[in-house]
Amino acid sequence: MKATRAAVACLAVVLASCGGSDLEQRQAEVAEAGSAVMPFDLKRATHFFEALEDGGLQTVTANDDDVEQVALIREHLSEEAERFARGDFRDPSMIHGEDMAGLHALATGHDRLTITYREIERGAEIRYASDDPALVDAIHQWFEAQLRDHGDDARSHM
């Protein structure tokens, strides 16, 4: 866990020293693609990613008590959890690209993942768990890529 935190911290330093223009362009492209896939307003919601020893927790919450946004978040995450459990990671690949870190391993190893959806206050969460260390690593890589790509619309609990 400490190694993951250190890696994320190092990545942040490296990205900050790169001038940011390529990263900002990437984040703008991801936001545009995300708005075509995710029904809720990305600027009115926040993604949270927490790496756990056996996988991770992805949470999306509305930034305020907007009932419509909360309903859209819950609908989307519920559908995504069902798709992911079947190995269908098409939506993340449409947003982030097919070569997104961890994505191929998650799609091919979906039968060794436990994916659980749960509604929470102002949104929902998806819990990913596996006994397979390679899949846990893929989840962590996937979370790091999402944090980088979503920029200010995402937060880490890593």
Protein backbone atom coordinates (compact mmCIF):
# COMPACT_ATOMS: atom_id res chain seq x y z
CA MET A 1 0.00 0.00 0.00
CA LYS A 2 2.84 2.41 0.87
CA ALA A 3 4.52 1.53 -2.43
CA THR A 4 1.33 2.43 -4.31
CA ARG A 5 1.10 5.78 -2.51
CA ALA A 6 4.75 6.48 -3.28
CA ALA A 7 4.24 5.59 -6.93
CA VAL A 8 1.23 7.90 -7.19
CA ALA A 9 3.19 10.71 -5.50
CA CYS A 10 6.13 10.21 -7.88
CA LEU A 11 3.79 10.18 -10.86
CA ALA A 12 2.25 13.46 -9.72
CA VAL A 13 5.71 15.06 -9.47
CA VAL A 14 6.71 13.79 -12.91
CA LEU A 15 3.47 14.98 -14.50
CA ALA A 16 3.75 18.38 -12.85
CA SER A 17 7.28 18.79 -14.19
CA CYS A 18 6.20 17.94 -17.76
CA GLY A 19 4.65 21.33 -18.27
CA GLY A 20 1.15 19.95 -18.19
CA SER A 21 0.04 20.92 -21.72
CA ASP A 22 -0.04 17.32 -23.01
CA LEU A 23 -1.75 16.19 -19.81
CA GLU A 24 -4.28 19.01 -20.01
CA GLN A 25 -5.04 18.10 -23.64
CA ARG A 26 -5.48 14.45 -22.65
CA GLN A 27 -7.81 15.38 -19.79
CA ALA A 28 -9.90 17.56 -22.12
CA GLU A 29 -10.20 14.67 -24.60
CA VAL A 30 -11.18 12.27 -21.82
CA ALA A 31 -13.80 14.73 -20.49
CA GLU A 32 -15.30 15.06 -23.96
CA ALA A 33 -15.40 11.28 -24.48
CA GLY A 34 -16.70 10.80 -20.93
CA SER A 35 -19.62 13.14 -21.51
CA ALA A 36 -20.72 10.89 -24.38
CA VAL A 37 -20.58 7.75 -22.19
CA MET A 38 -21.55 8.95 -18.70
CA PRO A 39 -25.07 10.40 -18.41
CA PHE A 40 -24.34 12.64 -15.42
CA ASP A 41 -22.61 16.01 -15.59
CA LEU A 42 -18.89 15.39 -15.01
CA LYS A 43 -18.39 18.91 -13.66
CA ARG A 44 -21.15 18.36 -11.09
CA ALA A 45 -19.77 15.04 -9.82
CA THR A 46 -16.51 13.69 -8.43
CA HIS A 47 -14.89 10.29 -8.93
CA PHE A 48 -13.00 8.80 -5.98
CA PHE A 49 -10.58 5.88 -6.31
CA GLU A 50 -9.26 3.95 -3.34
CA ALA A 51 -6.71 1.17 -3.78
CA LEU A 52 -7.30 -1.70 -1.35
CA GLU A 53 -5.17 -4.74 -0.57
CA ASP A 54 -7.54 -7.03 -2.46
CA GLY A 55 -8.63 -4.56 -5.17
CA GLY A 56 -10.24 -1.17 -4.93
CA LEU A 57 -13.24 1.04 -4.40
CA GLN A 58 -14.56 3.41 -7.07
CA THR A 59 -17.04 6.00 -5.83
CA VAL A 60 -18.91 8.68 -7.76
CA THR A 61 -20.88 11.35 -5.90
CA ALA A 62 -22.79 14.43 -6.92
CA ASN A 63 -21.07 17.60 -5.75
CA ASP A 64 -24.35 18.78 -4.23
CA ASP A 65 -27.76 17.33 -3.37
CA ASP A 66 -29.02 17.41 -6.97
CA VAL A 67 -31.50 14.51 -7.06
CA GLU A 68 -31.27 14.18 -10.85
CA GLN A 69 -27.47 13.90 -10.82
CA VAL A 70 -27.58 11.34 -7.99
CA ALA A 71 -30.09 9.21 -9.94
CA LEU A 72 -27.97 9.39 -13.12
CA ILE A 73 -24.81 8.41 -11.21
CA ARG A 74 -26.55 5.45 -9.60
CA GLU A 75 -28.06 4.26 -12.87
CA HIS A 76 -24.70 4.48 -14.67
CA LEU A 77 -22.64 2.77 -11.97
CA SER A 78 -25.22 0.01 -11.55
CA GLU A 79 -25.11 -0.71 -15.29
CA GLU A 80 -21.31 -0.52 -15.35
CA ALA A 81 -20.99 -2.99 -12.46
CA GLU A 82 -23.16 -5.47 -14.38
CA ARG A 83 -21.11 -5.00 -17.56
CA PHE A 84 -17.77 -5.28 -15.76
CA ALA A 85 -18.88 -8.51 -14.08
CA ARG A 86 -19.41 -9.93 -17.60
CA GLY A 87 -15.99 -8.70 -18.74
CA ASP A 88 -17.44 -5.82 -20.76
CA PHE A 89 -15.10 -2.87 -20.20
CA ARG A 90 -16.09 -1.17 -23.46
CA ASP A 91 -17.14 2.11 -21.80
CA PRO A 92 -13.76 2.77 -20.12
CA SER A 93 -11.97 1.91 -23.37
CA MET A 94 -14.22 4.36 -25.26
CA ILE A 95 -13.30 7.09 -22.79
CA HIS A 96 -9.64 6.32 -22.06
CA GLY A 97 -8.55 4.21 -25.04
CA GLU A 98 -8.13 0.48 -25.52
CA ASP A 99 -4.54 0.52 -24.24
CA MET A 100 -5.54 1.96 -20.85
CA ALA A 101 -3.41 0.55 -18.03
CA GLY A 102 -4.96 -2.53 -16.40
CA LEU A 103 -7.98 -2.67 -18.69
CA HIS A 104 -7.03 -5.74 -20.75
CA ALA A 105 -6.20 -7.75 -17.63
CA LEU A 106 -9.53 -6.82 -16.03
CA ALA A 107 -11.52 -7.75 -19.13
CA THR A 108 -9.80 -11.11 -19.59
CA GLY A 109 -9.73 -11.88 -15.85
CA HIS A 110 -13.28 -10.75 -15.02
CA ASP A 111 -14.22 -14.27 -13.93
CA ARG A 112 -11.71 -13.92 -11.06
CA LEU A 113 -13.11 -10.55 -9.93
CA THR A 114 -15.85 -9.90 -7.43
CA ILE A 115 -17.66 -6.72 -8.41
CA THR A 116 -20.20 -5.25 -6.01
CA TYR A 117 -22.43 -2.21 -6.56
CA ARG A 118 -23.82 -0.18 -3.66
CA GLU A 119 -25.75 3.08 -3.39
CA ILE A 120 -24.34 5.67 -1.01
CA GLU A 121 -25.32 9.20 -0.03
CA ARG A 122 -25.29 11.43 -3.16
CA GLY A 123 -24.11 8.61 -5.45
CA ALA A 124 -22.86 5.06 -5.69
CA GLU A 125 -19.76 2.90 -5.51
CA ILE A 126 -18.32 -0.18 -7.15
CA ARG A 127 -16.08 -2.48 -5.11
CA TYR A 128 -13.55 -4.61 -7.01
CA ALA A 129 -11.91 -7.57 -5.26
CA SER A 130 -9.75 -10.51 -6.29
CA ASP A 131 -7.50 -13.15 -4.78
CA ASP A 132 -5.28 -12.87 -7.88
CA PRO A 133 -2.37 -10.48 -7.21
CA ALA A 134 -2.06 -9.71 -10.94
CA LEU A 135 -5.68 -8.56 -11.06
CA VAL A 136 -5.27 -6.49 -7.89
CA ASP A 137 -2.30 -4.83 -9.57
CA ALA A 138 -4.40 -4.27 -12.72
CA ILE A 139 -7.12 -2.59 -10.63
CA HIS A 140 -4.51 -0.30 -9.05
CA GLN A 141 -3.04 0.57 -12.48
CA TRP A 142 -6.52 1.22 -13.85
CA PHE A 143 -7.34 3.52 -10.93
CA GLU A 144 -4.08 5.46 -11.37
CA ALA A 145 -4.83 5.94 -15.08
CA GLN A 146 -8.33 7.21 -14.29
CA LEU A 147 -6.99 9.63 -11.68
CA ARG A 148 -4.53 11.03 -14.20
CA ASP A 149 -7.09 11.20 -17.02
CA HIS A 150 -9.95 12.74 -15.03
CA GLY A 151 -7.79 15.48 -13.46
CA ASP A 152 -9.76 17.79 -11.18
CA ASP A 153 -12.89 15.63 -11.50
CA ALA A 154 -11.25 12.75 -9.60
CA ARG A 155 -9.72 12.25 -6.18
CA SER A 156 -7.54 9.55 -4.68
CA HIS A 157 -7.95 7.77 -1.40
CA MET A 158 -4.78 5.76 -2.16
